[in-house]
């Protein structure tokens, strides 16, 4: 099953547009895990199991694993999701962007070593830097467009012939690179006007990975109004810290599950 097929099925079967980001900060792990050699894997495993009923997928951020020399644990959690929650896609958040020969190796890493269903990439080096990912049949390639951070405006708002660069990227991805229906775009919840403009420009079929709710302060109602397609789907609305490190009356896994449930229900109430 391709990434897009798996994502479409997850939207329907889970009744959720929520994606949980796996950003295991070693300084914030529960005390009970801190001395374990597999602490990062175990933390992510428990988060995955607690939140899986309420999500449309998971987005591990490779930097958190690599900084802790835990790439092996990233392999393990990707394998765990494939084996125990095979209906949920895994998007590896790597934001890769390099020349074609190097991109070939990055694609092998993402889709071969980690077995991810999709990857985030930068469009800055152009089509030949993205092509190696597109060569992997059925795998998703999610291109940075209008990112959720304030500094994204430094380049993404630059105009060419009166059109901002992020809209050029949206057009390029939707109408040229997406020839096999593999592509998506990253557009932040923190910029609902730009999110609406991108959705209008690309139509219904290109999925959007939407970071920025939760800890970054993006508004759920505005995000749903701006980014949903005509089927009231079309988005992977990511939340990481607000779910991973949620506080509640029970233990941390129960708190994470409750936070995921409440976030899913909030999204559903506005779409």
C-alpha atoms as a PDB file:
ATOM      1  CA  UNK A   1       0.000   0.000   0.000  1.00  0.00           C
ATOM      2  CA  UNK A   2       1.368   3.434  -0.944  1.00  0.00           C
ATOM      3  CA  UNK A   3       1.796   6.266   1.518  1.00  0.00           C
ATOM      4  CA  UNK A   4      -1.167   8.155   0.051  1.00  0.00           C
ATOM      5  CA  UNK A   5      -3.397   5.075   0.179  1.00  0.00           C
ATOM      6  CA  UNK A   6      -2.395   4.366   3.763  1.00  0.00           C
ATOM      7  CA  UNK A   7      -2.966   7.990   4.761  1.00  0.00           C
ATOM      8  CA  UNK A   8      -6.398   8.139   3.133  1.00  0.00           C
ATOM      9  CA  UNK A   9      -7.416   4.958   4.914  1.00  0.00           C
ATOM     10  CA  UNK A  10      -6.087   6.231   8.243  1.00  0.00           C
ATOM     11  CA  UNK A  11      -8.069   9.469   7.933  1.00  0.00           C
ATOM     12  CA  UNK A  12     -11.247   7.449   7.478  1.00  0.00           C
ATOM     13  CA  UNK A  13     -10.696   4.538   9.855  1.00  0.00           C
ATOM     14  CA  UNK A  14      -9.296   6.584  12.730  1.00  0.00           C
ATOM     15  CA  UNK A  15     -11.628   9.545  12.128  1.00  0.00           C
ATOM     16  CA  UNK A  16      -8.603  11.709  12.876  1.00  0.00           C
ATOM     17  CA  UNK A  17      -6.385  14.323  11.243  1.00  0.00           C
ATOM     18  CA  UNK A  18      -4.006  14.331  14.218  1.00  0.00           C
ATOM     19  CA  UNK A  19      -0.403  13.236  13.745  1.00  0.00           C
ATOM     20  CA  UNK A  20       1.786  12.775  16.813  1.00  0.00           C
ATOM     21  CA  UNK A  21       5.374  13.924  16.517  1.00  0.00           C
ATOM     22  CA  UNK A  22       7.951  11.748  18.240  1.00  0.00           C
ATOM     23  CA  UNK A  23      10.522  14.229  19.578  1.00  0.00           C
ATOM     24  CA  UNK A  24      12.129  12.405  22.514  1.00  0.00           C
ATOM     25  CA  UNK A  25      14.034  15.060  24.457  1.00  0.00           C
ATOM     26  CA  UNK A  26      16.430  13.189  26.759  1.00  0.00           C
ATOM     27  CA  UNK A  27      16.194  15.971  29.368  1.00  0.00           C
ATOM     28  CA  UNK A  28      12.440  15.435  29.689  1.00  0.00           C
ATOM     29  CA  UNK A  29      12.143  11.664  29.790  1.00  0.00           C
ATOM     30  CA  UNK A  30      10.280  10.167  32.752  1.00  0.00           C
ATOM     31  CA  UNK A  31      12.520   9.368  35.710  1.00  0.00           C
ATOM     32  CA  UNK A  32      11.644   5.686  35.514  1.00  0.00           C
ATOM     33  CA  UNK A  33      13.260   5.470  32.052  1.00  0.00           C
ATOM     34  CA  UNK A  34      16.353   7.629  32.361  1.00  0.00           C
ATOM     35  CA  UNK A  35      18.839   4.889  33.293  1.00  0.00           C
ATOM     36  CA  UNK A  36      17.623   2.424  30.663  1.00  0.00           C
ATOM     37  CA  UNK A  37      19.809   1.922  27.568  1.00  0.00           C
ATOM     38  CA  UNK A  38      16.636   1.745  25.480  1.00  0.00           C
ATOM     39  CA  UNK A  39      14.987   4.738  27.179  1.00  0.00           C
ATOM     40  CA  UNK A  40      14.199   6.608  23.959  1.00  0.00           C
ATOM     41  CA  UNK A  41      12.645   3.584  22.289  1.00  0.00           C
ATOM     42  CA  UNK A  42      10.616   2.699  25.380  1.00  0.00           C
ATOM     43  CA  UNK A  43       9.375   6.264  25.783  1.00  0.00           C
ATOM     44  CA  UNK A  44       8.279   6.404  22.140  1.00  0.00           C
ATOM     45  CA  UNK A  45       6.764   2.921  22.266  1.00  0.00           C
ATOM     46  CA  UNK A  46       4.545   3.820  25.187  1.00  0.00           C
ATOM     47  CA  UNK A  47       3.536   7.099  23.544  1.00  0.00           C
ATOM     48  CA  UNK A  48       2.688   5.263  20.319  1.00  0.00           C
ATOM     49  CA  UNK A  49       0.540   2.666  22.070  1.00  0.00           C
ATOM     50  CA  UNK A  50      -1.240   5.289  24.191  1.00  0.00           C
ATOM     51  CA  UNK A  51      -2.074   7.590  21.280  1.00  0.00           C
ATOM     52  CA  UNK A  52      -2.523   5.214  18.322  1.00  0.00           C
ATOM     53  CA  UNK A  53      -6.350   5.011  18.614  1.00  0.00           C
ATOM     54  CA  UNK A  54      -6.624   8.774  18.101  1.00  0.00           C
ATOM     55  CA  UNK A  55      -4.182   9.557  15.290  1.00  0.00           C
ATOM     56  CA  UNK A  56      -3.660   9.273  11.544  1.00  0.00           C
ATOM     57  CA  UNK A  57       0.086   8.630  11.855  1.00  0.00           C
ATOM     58  CA  UNK A  58       3.371   9.328  13.590  1.00  0.00           C
ATOM     59  CA  UNK A  59       6.196  11.737  12.746  1.00  0.00           C
ATOM     60  CA  UNK A  60       9.553  10.871  14.339  1.00  0.00           C
ATOM     61  CA  UNK A  61      12.006  13.779  14.205  1.00  0.00           C
ATOM     62  CA  UNK A  62      15.392  12.306  13.325  1.00  0.00           C
ATOM     63  CA  UNK A  63      17.437  15.012  15.100  1.00  0.00           C
ATOM     64  CA  UNK A  64      16.259  13.949  18.561  1.00  0.00           C
ATOM     65  CA  UNK A  65      17.435  10.399  17.934  1.00  0.00           C
ATOM     66  CA  UNK A  66      20.698  11.283  16.182  1.00  0.00           C
ATOM     67  CA  UNK A  67      21.749  13.798  18.860  1.00  0.00           C
ATOM     68  CA  UNK A  68      21.439  11.052  21.461  1.00  0.00           C
ATOM     69  CA  UNK A  69      23.299   8.493  19.297  1.00  0.00           C
ATOM     70  CA  UNK A  70      20.012   6.593  19.173  1.00  0.00           C
ATOM     71  CA  UNK A  71      19.551   5.937  15.458  1.00  0.00           C
ATOM     72  CA  UNK A  72      19.196   2.250  16.298  1.00  0.00           C
ATOM     73  CA  UNK A  73      16.279   3.076  18.570  1.00  0.00           C
ATOM     74  CA  UNK A  74      14.736   5.082  15.728  1.00  0.00           C
ATOM     75  CA  UNK A  75      14.971   1.960  13.547  1.00  0.00           C
ATOM     76  CA  UNK A  76      13.333   0.005  16.341  1.00  0.00           C
ATOM     77  CA  UNK A  77      10.414   2.387  16.854  1.00  0.00           C
ATOM     78  CA  UNK A  78       9.742   2.591  13.112  1.00  0.00           C
ATOM     79  CA  UNK A  79       9.726  -1.214  12.983  1.00  0.00           C
ATOM     80  CA  UNK A  80       7.493  -1.355  16.066  1.00  0.00           C
ATOM     81  CA  UNK A  81       4.899   0.926  14.452  1.00  0.00           C
ATOM     82  CA  UNK A  82       4.968  -1.099  11.216  1.00  0.00           C
ATOM     83  CA  UNK A  83       4.464  -4.352  13.126  1.00  0.00           C
ATOM     84  CA  UNK A  84       1.960  -3.250  15.764  1.00  0.00           C
ATOM     85  CA  UNK A  85       0.113  -0.379  14.106  1.00  0.00           C
ATOM     86  CA  UNK A  86       0.554  -1.137  10.395  1.00  0.00           C
ATOM     87  CA  UNK A  87      -2.458   0.945   9.434  1.00  0.00           C
ATOM     88  CA  UNK A  88      -0.733   4.174  10.549  1.00  0.00           C
ATOM     89  CA  UNK A  89       1.850   5.863   8.281  1.00  0.00           C
ATOM     90  CA  UNK A  90       5.261   6.917   9.542  1.00  0.00           C
ATOM     91  CA  UNK A  91       6.577  10.269   8.282  1.00  0.00           C
ATOM     92  CA  UNK A  92      10.282  10.693   9.021  1.00  0.00           C
ATOM     93  CA  UNK A  93      10.870  14.377   9.672  1.00  0.00           C
ATOM     94  CA  UNK A  94      14.376  14.826   8.276  1.00  0.00           C
ATOM     95  CA  UNK A  95      14.058  17.951   6.082  1.00  0.00           C
ATOM     96  CA  UNK A  96      16.734  16.633   3.752  1.00  0.00           C
ATOM     97  CA  UNK A  97      18.042  18.769   0.893  1.00  0.00           C
ATOM     98  CA  UNK A  98      21.214  18.006  -1.041  1.00  0.00           C
ATOM     99  CA  UNK A  99      22.552  17.320  -4.543  1.00  0.00           C
ATOM    100  CA  UNK A 100      21.224  14.302  -6.409  1.00  0.00           C
ATOM    101  CA  UNK A 101      24.017  11.828  -5.649  1.00  0.00           C
ATOM    102  CA  UNK A 102      23.798  12.573  -1.935  1.00  0.00           C
ATOM    103  CA  UNK A 103      20.012  12.560  -2.007  1.00  0.00           C
ATOM    104  CA  UNK A 104      20.154   8.998  -3.355  1.00  0.00           C
ATOM    105  CA  UNK A 105      21.890   7.978  -0.120  1.00  0.00           C
ATOM    106  CA  UNK A 106      19.482   9.935   2.070  1.00  0.00           C
ATOM    107  CA  UNK A 107      16.560   8.225   0.319  1.00  0.00           C
ATOM    108  CA  UNK A 108      18.122   4.816   1.056  1.00  0.00           C
ATOM    109  CA  UNK A 109      18.483   5.848   4.687  1.00  0.00           C
ATOM    110  CA  UNK A 110      14.892   7.009   5.053  1.00  0.00           C
ATOM    111  CA  UNK A 111      13.067   4.335   3.082  1.00  0.00           C
ATOM    112  CA  UNK A 112      15.534   1.469   3.324  1.00  0.00           C
ATOM    113  CA  UNK A 113      17.097   1.699   6.770  1.00  0.00           C
ATOM    114  CA  UNK A 114      14.152   3.206   8.646  1.00  0.00           C
ATOM    115  CA  UNK A 115      11.335   1.908   6.454  1.00  0.00           C
ATOM    116  CA  UNK A 116       9.417   5.191   6.658  1.00  0.00           C
ATOM    117  CA  UNK A 117       6.327   5.737   4.538  1.00  0.00           C
ATOM    118  CA  UNK A 118       7.241   9.373   3.806  1.00  0.00           C
ATOM    119  CA  UNK A 119       9.940  11.958   4.419  1.00  0.00           C
ATOM    120  CA  UNK A 120      10.134  15.744   4.674  1.00  0.00           C
ATOM    121  CA  UNK A 121      12.526  17.434   2.227  1.00  0.00           C
ATOM    122  CA  UNK A 122      13.700  20.930   1.359  1.00  0.00           C
ATOM    123  CA  UNK A 123      13.026  22.224  -2.185  1.00  0.00           C
ATOM    124  CA  UNK A 124      15.878  24.739  -2.133  1.00  0.00           C
ATOM    125  CA  UNK A 125      18.207  22.714  -4.380  1.00  0.00           C
ATOM    126  CA  UNK A 126      15.513  22.065  -6.975  1.00  0.00           C
ATOM    127  CA  UNK A 127      14.100  19.104  -8.837  1.00  0.00           C
ATOM    128  CA  UNK A 128      17.230  16.948  -9.126  1.00  0.00           C
ATOM    129  CA  UNK A 129      17.600  16.981  -5.330  1.00  0.00           C
ATOM    130  CA  UNK A 130      14.034  15.668  -4.917  1.00  0.00           C
ATOM    131  CA  UNK A 131      14.019  13.127  -7.743  1.00  0.00           C
ATOM    132  CA  UNK A 132      15.827  10.355  -5.801  1.00  0.00           C
ATOM    133  CA  UNK A 133      13.009  10.285  -3.237  1.00  0.00           C
ATOM    134  CA  UNK A 134      10.352  10.199  -5.957  1.00  0.00           C
ATOM    135  CA  UNK A 135      12.092   7.177  -7.474  1.00  0.00           C
ATOM    136  CA  UNK A 136      10.907   5.114  -4.502  1.00  0.00           C
ATOM    137  CA  UNK A 137       7.523   3.936  -5.758  1.00  0.00           C
ATOM    138  CA  UNK A 138       4.663   4.590  -3.377  1.00  0.00           C
ATOM    139  CA  UNK A 139       6.713   6.558  -0.851  1.00  0.00           C
ATOM    140  CA  UNK A 140       5.619  10.035   0.218  1.00  0.00           C
ATOM    141  CA  UNK A 141       7.736  13.143  -0.344  1.00  0.00           C
ATOM    142  CA  UNK A 142       6.558  16.084   1.756  1.00  0.00           C
ATOM    143  CA  UNK A 143       8.139  19.366   0.681  1.00  0.00           C
ATOM    144  CA  UNK A 144       8.734  22.375   2.923  1.00  0.00           C
ATOM    145  CA  UNK A 145       6.516  25.228   1.727  1.00  0.00           C
ATOM    146  CA  UNK A 146       5.388  27.737   4.386  1.00  0.00           C
ATOM    147  CA  UNK A 147       6.958  26.628   7.622  1.00  0.00           C
ATOM    148  CA  UNK A 148       5.597  27.336  11.100  1.00  0.00           C
ATOM    149  CA  UNK A 149       8.628  29.250  12.415  1.00  0.00           C
ATOM    150  CA  UNK A 150       8.783  33.046  12.283  1.00  0.00           C
ATOM    151  CA  UNK A 151      12.127  33.063  10.478  1.00  0.00           C
ATOM    152  CA  UNK A 152      10.612  31.208   7.536  1.00  0.00           C
ATOM    153  CA  UNK A 153       9.437  34.576   6.243  1.00  0.00           C
ATOM    154  CA  UNK A 154      13.040  35.605   5.558  1.00  0.00           C
ATOM    155  CA  UNK A 155      13.022  33.592   2.322  1.00  0.00           C
ATOM    156  CA  UNK A 156       9.530  32.166   1.864  1.00  0.00           C
ATOM    157  CA  UNK A 157       7.961  35.619   1.399  1.00  0.00           C
ATOM    158  CA  UNK A 158      10.449  36.786  -1.221  1.00  0.00           C
ATOM    159  CA  UNK A 159       8.580  37.552  -4.433  1.00  0.00           C
ATOM    160  CA  UNK A 160       9.327  36.464  -7.978  1.00  0.00           C
ATOM    161  CA  UNK A 161       7.173  38.297 -10.534  1.00  0.00           C
ATOM    162  CA  UNK A 162       4.885  39.336  -7.700  1.00  0.00           C
ATOM    163  CA  UNK A 163       4.370  35.796  -6.374  1.00  0.00           C
ATOM    164  CA  UNK A 164       5.851  34.783  -2.982  1.00  0.00           C
ATOM    165  CA  UNK A 165       8.360  31.964  -3.065  1.00  0.00           C
ATOM    166  CA  UNK A 166       6.245  29.633  -0.937  1.00  0.00           C
ATOM    167  CA  UNK A 167       3.453  29.822  -3.521  1.00  0.00           C
ATOM    168  CA  UNK A 168       5.967  29.063  -6.266  1.00  0.00           C
ATOM    169  CA  UNK A 169       6.953  25.962  -4.308  1.00  0.00           C
ATOM    170  CA  UNK A 170       3.303  24.934  -3.894  1.00  0.00           C
ATOM    171  CA  UNK A 171       2.694  25.262  -7.622  1.00  0.00           C
ATOM    172  CA  UNK A 172       5.879  23.390  -8.533  1.00  0.00           C
ATOM    173  CA  UNK A 173       5.117  20.498  -6.223  1.00  0.00           C
ATOM    174  CA  UNK A 174       1.432  20.162  -7.123  1.00  0.00           C
ATOM    175  CA  UNK A 175       1.770  20.565 -10.869  1.00  0.00           C
ATOM    176  CA  UNK A 176       5.214  19.196 -11.764  1.00  0.00           C
ATOM    177  CA  UNK A 177       6.828  17.044  -9.077  1.00  0.00           C
ATOM    178  CA  UNK A 178       3.609  15.256  -8.093  1.00  0.00           C
ATOM    179  CA  UNK A 179       3.358  13.288 -11.321  1.00  0.00           C
ATOM    180  CA  UNK A 180       2.958   9.975  -9.448  1.00  0.00           C
ATOM    181  CA  UNK A 181       0.753  11.367  -6.691  1.00  0.00           C
ATOM    182  CA  UNK A 182       3.482  10.994  -4.044  1.00  0.00           C
ATOM    183  CA  UNK A 183       3.926  14.590  -2.889  1.00  0.00           C
ATOM    184  CA  UNK A 184       2.682  16.669   0.002  1.00  0.00           C
ATOM    185  CA  UNK A 185       3.541  20.072   1.441  1.00  0.00           C
ATOM    186  CA  UNK A 186       4.514  21.387   4.870  1.00  0.00           C
ATOM    187  CA  UNK A 187       2.471  24.467   5.791  1.00  0.00           C
ATOM    188  CA  UNK A 188       2.347  25.739   9.364  1.00  0.00           C
ATOM    189  CA  UNK A 189      -0.795  26.168  11.451  1.00  0.00           C
ATOM    190  CA  UNK A 190       0.703  29.439  12.701  1.00  0.00           C
ATOM    191  CA  UNK A 191      -0.086  31.062   9.333  1.00  0.00           C
ATOM    192  CA  UNK A 192      -3.745  30.238   8.492  1.00  0.00           C
ATOM    193  CA  UNK A 193      -4.018  32.830   5.699  1.00  0.00           C
ATOM    194  CA  UNK A 194      -1.074  31.286   3.865  1.00  0.00           C
ATOM    195  CA  UNK A 195      -2.438  27.810   4.625  1.00  0.00           C
ATOM    196  CA  UNK A 196      -5.729  28.774   2.947  1.00  0.00           C
ATOM    197  CA  UNK A 197      -3.907  30.229  -0.057  1.00  0.00           C
ATOM    198  CA  UNK A 198      -1.901  27.035  -0.534  1.00  0.00           C
ATOM    199  CA  UNK A 199      -4.961  24.798  -0.242  1.00  0.00           C
ATOM    200  CA  UNK A 200      -6.818  26.901  -2.800  1.00  0.00           C
ATOM    201  CA  UNK A 201      -3.883  26.746  -5.199  1.00  0.00           C
ATOM    202  CA  UNK A 202      -3.197  23.004  -5.004  1.00  0.00           C
ATOM    203  CA  UNK A 203      -6.726  21.614  -4.853  1.00  0.00           C
ATOM    204  CA  UNK A 204      -7.960  18.646  -2.851  1.00  0.00           C
ATOM    205  CA  UNK A 205      -5.518  15.867  -3.618  1.00  0.00           C
ATOM    206  CA  UNK A 206      -2.177  17.073  -2.215  1.00  0.00           C
ATOM    207  CA  UNK A 207      -1.952  16.354   1.523  1.00  0.00           C
ATOM    208  CA  UNK A 208      -0.617  18.965   3.919  1.00  0.00           C
ATOM    209  CA  UNK A 209       1.598  18.289   6.916  1.00  0.00           C
ATOM    210  CA  UNK A 210       0.630  21.046   9.329  1.00  0.00           C
ATOM    211  CA  UNK A 211       2.872  21.645  12.354  1.00  0.00           C
ATOM    212  CA  UNK A 212       2.320  24.442  14.829  1.00  0.00           C
ATOM    213  CA  UNK A 213      -0.662  23.605  17.044  1.00  0.00           C
ATOM    214  CA  UNK A 214      -0.093  22.862  20.713  1.00  0.00           C
ATOM    215  CA  UNK A 215       3.182  24.299  22.021  1.00  0.00           C
ATOM    216  CA  UNK A 216       3.607  26.613  19.019  1.00  0.00           C
ATOM    217  CA  UNK A 217       0.182  28.176  19.514  1.00  0.00           C
ATOM    218  CA  UNK A 218      -1.547  27.514  16.201  1.00  0.00           C
ATOM    219  CA  UNK A 219      -5.335  27.818  16.341  1.00  0.00           C
ATOM    220  CA  UNK A 220      -7.212  24.578  15.627  1.00  0.00           C
ATOM    221  CA  UNK A 221     -10.386  26.216  14.310  1.00  0.00           C
ATOM    222  CA  UNK A 222      -8.479  28.511  11.946  1.00  0.00           C
ATOM    223  CA  UNK A 223      -6.308  25.621  10.776  1.00  0.00           C
ATOM    224  CA  UNK A 224      -9.286  23.430   9.921  1.00  0.00           C
ATOM    225  CA  UNK A 225     -11.105  26.232   8.132  1.00  0.00           C
ATOM    226  CA  UNK A 226      -8.020  27.037   6.065  1.00  0.00           C
ATOM    227  CA  UNK A 227      -6.521  23.654   5.294  1.00  0.00           C
ATOM    228  CA  UNK A 228      -9.204  20.986   4.993  1.00  0.00           C
ATOM    229  CA  UNK A 229     -10.114  19.816   1.518  1.00  0.00           C
ATOM    230  CA  UNK A 230     -13.686  19.351   0.283  1.00  0.00           C
ATOM    231  CA  UNK A 231     -13.897  15.996   2.101  1.00  0.00           C
ATOM    232  CA  UNK A 232     -12.949  17.685   5.390  1.00  0.00           C
ATOM    233  CA  UNK A 233      -9.691  15.773   5.323  1.00  0.00           C
ATOM    234  CA  UNK A 234      -6.377  16.476   3.564  1.00  0.00           C
ATOM    235  CA  UNK A 235      -4.207  17.378   6.570  1.00  0.00           C
ATOM    236  CA  UNK A 236      -1.822  15.721   9.001  1.00  0.00           C
ATOM    237  CA  UNK A 237      -2.062  18.197  11.882  1.00  0.00           C
ATOM    238  CA  UNK A 238       1.003  17.546  13.979  1.00  0.00           C
ATOM    239  CA  UNK A 239       1.356  17.957  17.721  1.00  0.00           C
ATOM    240  CA  UNK A 240       4.504  16.897  19.554  1.00  0.00           C
ATOM    241  CA  UNK A 241       5.434  18.451  22.896  1.00  0.00           C
ATOM    242  CA  UNK A 242       1.865  19.160  24.012  1.00  0.00           C
ATOM    243  CA  UNK A 243       1.127  15.429  23.820  1.00  0.00           C
ATOM    244  CA  UNK A 244       4.497  13.863  24.666  1.00  0.00           C
ATOM    245  CA  UNK A 245       4.905  15.852  27.858  1.00  0.00           C
ATOM    246  CA  UNK A 246       1.269  16.317  28.853  1.00  0.00           C
ATOM    247  CA  UNK A 247       0.435  16.540  32.533  1.00  0.00           C
ATOM    248  CA  UNK A 248      -2.546  14.782  34.043  1.00  0.00           C
ATOM    249  CA  UNK A 249      -3.903  12.969  37.099  1.00  0.00           C
ATOM    250  CA  UNK A 250      -2.659   9.569  35.902  1.00  0.00           C
ATOM    251  CA  UNK A 251       0.759   8.471  34.725  1.00  0.00           C
ATOM    252  CA  UNK A 252       2.499  10.058  31.757  1.00  0.00           C
ATOM    253  CA  UNK A 253       1.210   7.541  29.213  1.00  0.00           C
ATOM    254  CA  UNK A 254      -2.373   8.146  30.314  1.00  0.00           C
ATOM    255  CA  UNK A 255      -1.795  11.898  30.118  1.00  0.00           C
ATOM    256  CA  UNK A 256      -0.428  11.579  26.590  1.00  0.00           C
ATOM    257  CA  UNK A 257      -3.368   9.449  25.495  1.00  0.00           C
ATOM    258  CA  UNK A 258      -5.852  11.890  27.005  1.00  0.00           C
ATOM    259  CA  UNK A 259      -4.120  14.845  25.341  1.00  0.00           C
ATOM    260  CA  UNK A 260      -4.245  13.061  21.988  1.00  0.00           C
ATOM    261  CA  UNK A 261      -7.930  12.241  22.424  1.00  0.00           C
ATOM    262  CA  UNK A 262      -8.782  15.820  23.339  1.00  0.00           C
ATOM    263  CA  UNK A 263      -6.753  17.212  20.432  1.00  0.00           C
ATOM    264  CA  UNK A 264      -8.384  14.828  17.964  1.00  0.00           C
ATOM    265  CA  UNK A 265     -11.842  15.748  19.232  1.00  0.00           C
ATOM    266  CA  UNK A 266     -11.038  19.461  19.034  1.00  0.00           C
ATOM    267  CA  UNK A 267      -9.935  19.078  15.429  1.00  0.00           C
ATOM    268  CA  UNK A 268     -13.042  17.050  14.574  1.00  0.00           C
ATOM    269  CA  UNK A 269     -15.299  19.681  16.150  1.00  0.00           C
ATOM    270  CA  UNK A 270     -13.945  22.281  13.713  1.00  0.00           C
ATOM    271  CA  UNK A 271     -13.870  20.377  10.408  1.00  0.00           C
END
